[in-house]
Amino acid sequence: MKKASQPSVRKASDVLPKADLCLVSCVARKLPHPAPARELYTSPWFRKVRRYVEAQGWPWFILSAEYGLVSPEQVIEPYEKTLNKMLKPERRDWAERCVRALGPHLAGAQSVVFFAGWRYREFLAPALAGCGI
């Protein structure tokens, strides 16, 4: 009798390309007090993504609906804002601010990996593609 072959298990590192930069969206679940951004967001999803990105040694930033592009070490206040409730022109302006802030970090970058939903990528990803990323 033939043994059934087991499905191969792929690790995330086998699936995702090496990133020159990672962008991780903010989440609703936050600490109730100011903290470094990497610690402020407390959802299980955010914590898993943060651990993964940091384990890869990839540079990363947080896409904050309130603050725009945020470094993981930047201390910020908790807030209740989401791109999901912003109008299209507001989301476009937010993305333009993020692209400007990303500028100095994109030198030599060829790839950016997003860990973010559609609203966070809709204007940002095309702008980066327009820069050849």
C-alpha atoms as a PDB file:
ATOM      1  CA  MET A   1       0.000   0.000   0.000  1.00  0.00           C
ATOM      2  CA  LYS A   2       1.262   3.427  -0.945  1.00  0.00           C
ATOM      3  CA  LYS A   3       1.728   6.030   1.767  1.00  0.00           C
ATOM      4  CA  ALA A   4      -0.204   9.223   1.317  1.00  0.00           C
ATOM      5  CA  SER A   5       2.137  12.110   0.814  1.00  0.00           C
ATOM      6  CA  GLN A   6       1.950  14.782   3.434  1.00  0.00           C
ATOM      7  CA  PRO A   7       1.393  18.347   2.321  1.00  0.00           C
ATOM      8  CA  SER A   8       4.509  20.443   2.529  1.00  0.00           C
ATOM      9  CA  VAL A   9       4.510  23.108   5.188  1.00  0.00           C
ATOM     10  CA  ARG A  10       5.929  26.433   4.079  1.00  0.00           C
ATOM     11  CA  LYS A  11       7.386  28.914   6.482  1.00  0.00           C
ATOM     12  CA  ALA A  12       6.665  32.606   6.054  1.00  0.00           C
ATOM     13  CA  SER A  13      10.354  33.128   5.234  1.00  0.00           C
ATOM     14  CA  ASP A  14       9.895  30.768   2.245  1.00  0.00           C
ATOM     15  CA  VAL A  15       6.915  32.774   0.975  1.00  0.00           C
ATOM     16  CA  LEU A  16       7.860  36.398   1.515  1.00  0.00           C
ATOM     17  CA  PRO A  17      10.701  38.025  -0.391  1.00  0.00           C
ATOM     18  CA  LYS A  18      13.513  39.714   1.490  1.00  0.00           C
ATOM     19  CA  ALA A  19      12.278  43.180   2.328  1.00  0.00           C
ATOM     20  CA  ASP A  20      14.324  46.337   2.103  1.00  0.00           C
ATOM     21  CA  LEU A  21      11.628  47.902   4.277  1.00  0.00           C
ATOM     22  CA  CYS A  22       8.424  46.731   5.978  1.00  0.00           C
ATOM     23  CA  LEU A  23       5.341  48.825   6.636  1.00  0.00           C
ATOM     24  CA  VAL A  24       2.960  47.579   9.319  1.00  0.00           C
ATOM     25  CA  SER A  25      -0.454  49.111   9.858  1.00  0.00           C
ATOM     26  CA  CYS A  26      -1.602  50.345  13.208  1.00  0.00           C
ATOM     27  CA  VAL A  27      -4.366  48.489  15.045  1.00  0.00           C
ATOM     28  CA  ALA A  28      -7.223  49.521  17.302  1.00  0.00           C
ATOM     29  CA  ARG A  29      -5.973  47.712  20.400  1.00  0.00           C
ATOM     30  CA  LYS A  30      -3.494  49.930  22.254  1.00  0.00           C
ATOM     31  CA  LEU A  31      -2.061  50.562  25.678  1.00  0.00           C
ATOM     32  CA  PRO A  32      -3.937  53.294  27.602  1.00  0.00           C
ATOM     33  CA  HIS A  33      -0.800  55.444  27.988  1.00  0.00           C
ATOM     34  CA  PRO A  34       2.021  56.803  25.808  1.00  0.00           C
ATOM     35  CA  ALA A  35       4.642  54.250  24.825  1.00  0.00           C
ATOM     36  CA  PRO A  36       7.127  53.449  22.076  1.00  0.00           C
ATOM     37  CA  ALA A  37       5.021  52.622  19.018  1.00  0.00           C
ATOM     38  CA  ARG A  38       6.316  49.040  18.810  1.00  0.00           C
ATOM     39  CA  GLU A  39       4.833  48.465  22.307  1.00  0.00           C
ATOM     40  CA  LEU A  40       1.763  50.727  22.073  1.00  0.00           C
ATOM     41  CA  TYR A  41      -0.137  48.418  19.707  1.00  0.00           C
ATOM     42  CA  THR A  42      -1.193  45.299  21.590  1.00  0.00           C
ATOM     43  CA  SER A  43      -3.290  43.127  19.284  1.00  0.00           C
ATOM     44  CA  PRO A  44      -2.076  39.530  18.826  1.00  0.00           C
ATOM     45  CA  TRP A  45      -1.770  40.162  15.053  1.00  0.00           C
ATOM     46  CA  PHE A  46       0.440  43.214  15.534  1.00  0.00           C
ATOM     47  CA  ARG A  47       2.645  41.425  18.061  1.00  0.00           C
ATOM     48  CA  LYS A  48       3.130  38.455  15.712  1.00  0.00           C
ATOM     49  CA  VAL A  49       4.014  40.694  12.781  1.00  0.00           C
ATOM     50  CA  ARG A  50       6.408  42.734  14.921  1.00  0.00           C
ATOM     51  CA  ARG A  51       8.178  39.592  16.154  1.00  0.00           C
ATOM     52  CA  TYR A  52       8.431  38.232  12.615  1.00  0.00           C
ATOM     53  CA  VAL A  53       9.774  41.456  11.068  1.00  0.00           C
ATOM     54  CA  GLU A  54      12.255  41.985  13.894  1.00  0.00           C
ATOM     55  CA  ALA A  55      13.424  38.344  13.709  1.00  0.00           C
ATOM     56  CA  GLN A  56      14.161  38.860  10.004  1.00  0.00           C
ATOM     57  CA  GLY A  57      16.201  41.956  10.862  1.00  0.00           C
ATOM     58  CA  TRP A  58      14.205  44.034   8.385  1.00  0.00           C
ATOM     59  CA  PRO A  59      13.899  47.779   8.909  1.00  0.00           C
ATOM     60  CA  TRP A  60      10.279  48.689   9.561  1.00  0.00           C
ATOM     61  CA  PHE A  61       7.846  51.468  10.270  1.00  0.00           C
ATOM     62  CA  ILE A  62       4.286  51.670  11.484  1.00  0.00           C
ATOM     63  CA  LEU A  63       1.575  53.238   9.356  1.00  0.00           C
ATOM     64  CA  SER A  64      -0.444  55.184  11.911  1.00  0.00           C
ATOM     65  CA  ALA A  65      -3.789  56.661  10.937  1.00  0.00           C
ATOM     66  CA  GLU A  66      -3.138  59.492  13.396  1.00  0.00           C
ATOM     67  CA  TYR A  67       0.594  60.149  13.079  1.00  0.00           C
ATOM     68  CA  GLY A  68       1.439  58.878   9.584  1.00  0.00           C
ATOM     69  CA  LEU A  69       4.802  57.115   9.343  1.00  0.00           C
ATOM     70  CA  VAL A  70       6.063  56.200  12.803  1.00  0.00           C
ATOM     71  CA  SER A  71       9.365  54.647  13.810  1.00  0.00           C
ATOM     72  CA  PRO A  72       8.976  51.691  16.192  1.00  0.00           C
ATOM     73  CA  GLU A  73      10.930  53.546  18.888  1.00  0.00           C
ATOM     74  CA  GLN A  74       8.932  56.794  18.644  1.00  0.00           C
ATOM     75  CA  VAL A  75       6.871  57.410  21.778  1.00  0.00           C
ATOM     76  CA  ILE A  76       3.297  58.270  20.853  1.00  0.00           C
ATOM     77  CA  GLU A  77      -0.011  58.778  22.626  1.00  0.00           C
ATOM     78  CA  PRO A  78      -2.859  56.297  22.171  1.00  0.00           C
ATOM     79  CA  TYR A  79      -5.580  57.469  19.776  1.00  0.00           C
ATOM     80  CA  GLU A  80      -8.857  56.384  18.193  1.00  0.00           C
ATOM     81  CA  LYS A  81      -8.431  57.028  14.485  1.00  0.00           C
ATOM     82  CA  THR A  82      -8.578  54.665  11.516  1.00  0.00           C
ATOM     83  CA  LEU A  83      -8.179  55.067   7.782  1.00  0.00           C
ATOM     84  CA  ASN A  84     -11.314  52.945   7.405  1.00  0.00           C
ATOM     85  CA  LYS A  85     -13.399  55.932   8.513  1.00  0.00           C
ATOM     86  CA  MET A  86     -11.546  58.596   6.513  1.00  0.00           C
ATOM     87  CA  LEU A  87     -12.827  60.001   3.246  1.00  0.00           C
ATOM     88  CA  LYS A  88     -10.859  59.277   0.083  1.00  0.00           C
ATOM     89  CA  PRO A  89      -9.221  62.756  -0.125  1.00  0.00           C
ATOM     90  CA  GLU A  90      -8.094  62.417   3.516  1.00  0.00           C
ATOM     91  CA  ARG A  91      -6.579  58.983   2.805  1.00  0.00           C
ATOM     92  CA  ARG A  92      -4.804  60.377  -0.263  1.00  0.00           C
ATOM     93  CA  ASP A  93      -3.332  63.246   1.815  1.00  0.00           C
ATOM     94  CA  TRP A  94      -2.296  60.767   4.529  1.00  0.00           C
ATOM     95  CA  ALA A  95      -0.507  58.598   1.943  1.00  0.00           C
ATOM     96  CA  GLU A  96       1.283  61.618   0.472  1.00  0.00           C
ATOM     97  CA  ARG A  97       2.541  62.565   3.950  1.00  0.00           C
ATOM     98  CA  CYS A  98       3.763  59.001   4.468  1.00  0.00           C
ATOM     99  CA  VAL A  99       5.578  58.944   1.105  1.00  0.00           C
ATOM    100  CA  ARG A 100       7.344  62.216   1.963  1.00  0.00           C
ATOM    101  CA  ALA A 101       8.353  60.834   5.360  1.00  0.00           C
ATOM    102  CA  LEU A 102       9.557  57.586   3.753  1.00  0.00           C
ATOM    103  CA  GLY A 103      11.757  59.449   1.251  1.00  0.00           C
ATOM    104  CA  PRO A 104      15.020  59.344   3.223  1.00  0.00           C
ATOM    105  CA  HIS A 105      14.500  55.643   4.036  1.00  0.00           C
ATOM    106  CA  LEU A 106      13.987  54.558   0.428  1.00  0.00           C
ATOM    107  CA  ALA A 107      17.520  55.186  -0.873  1.00  0.00           C
ATOM    108  CA  GLY A 108      18.563  51.957  -2.577  1.00  0.00           C
ATOM    109  CA  ALA A 109      15.330  50.187  -1.664  1.00  0.00           C
ATOM    110  CA  GLN A 110      13.914  47.822  -4.258  1.00  0.00           C
ATOM    111  CA  SER A 111      11.144  46.215  -2.255  1.00  0.00           C
ATOM    112  CA  VAL A 112       8.712  47.173   0.459  1.00  0.00           C
ATOM    113  CA  VAL A 113       6.571  44.555   2.168  1.00  0.00           C
ATOM    114  CA  PHE A 114       3.229  45.693   3.538  1.00  0.00           C
ATOM    115  CA  PHE A 115       1.538  44.117   6.521  1.00  0.00           C
ATOM    116  CA  ALA A 116      -1.524  46.295   6.094  1.00  0.00           C
ATOM    117  CA  GLY A 117      -5.055  46.273   4.738  1.00  0.00           C
ATOM    118  CA  TRP A 118      -6.304  47.897   1.558  1.00  0.00           C
ATOM    119  CA  ARG A 119      -7.016  51.373   2.962  1.00  0.00           C
ATOM    120  CA  TYR A 120      -3.419  51.666   4.132  1.00  0.00           C
ATOM    121  CA  ARG A 121      -2.040  50.510   0.765  1.00  0.00           C
ATOM    122  CA  GLU A 122      -4.471  52.042  -1.754  1.00  0.00           C
ATOM    123  CA  PHE A 123      -2.498  55.250  -2.415  1.00  0.00           C
ATOM    124  CA  LEU A 124       0.796  54.359  -0.783  1.00  0.00           C
ATOM    125  CA  ALA A 125       1.626  51.240  -2.841  1.00  0.00           C
ATOM    126  CA  PRO A 126       1.053  52.942  -6.231  1.00  0.00           C
ATOM    127  CA  ALA A 127       3.165  55.927  -5.121  1.00  0.00           C
ATOM    128  CA  LEU A 128       6.023  53.592  -4.175  1.00  0.00           C
ATOM    129  CA  ALA A 129       5.623  51.687  -7.453  1.00  0.00           C
ATOM    130  CA  GLY A 130       5.900  55.020  -9.240  1.00  0.00           C
ATOM    131  CA  CYS A 131       9.293  55.422  -7.540  1.00  0.00           C
ATOM    132  CA  GLY A 132      10.380  52.037  -8.910  1.00  0.00           C
ATOM    133  CA  ILE A 133       9.794  50.135  -5.680  1.00  0.00           C
END
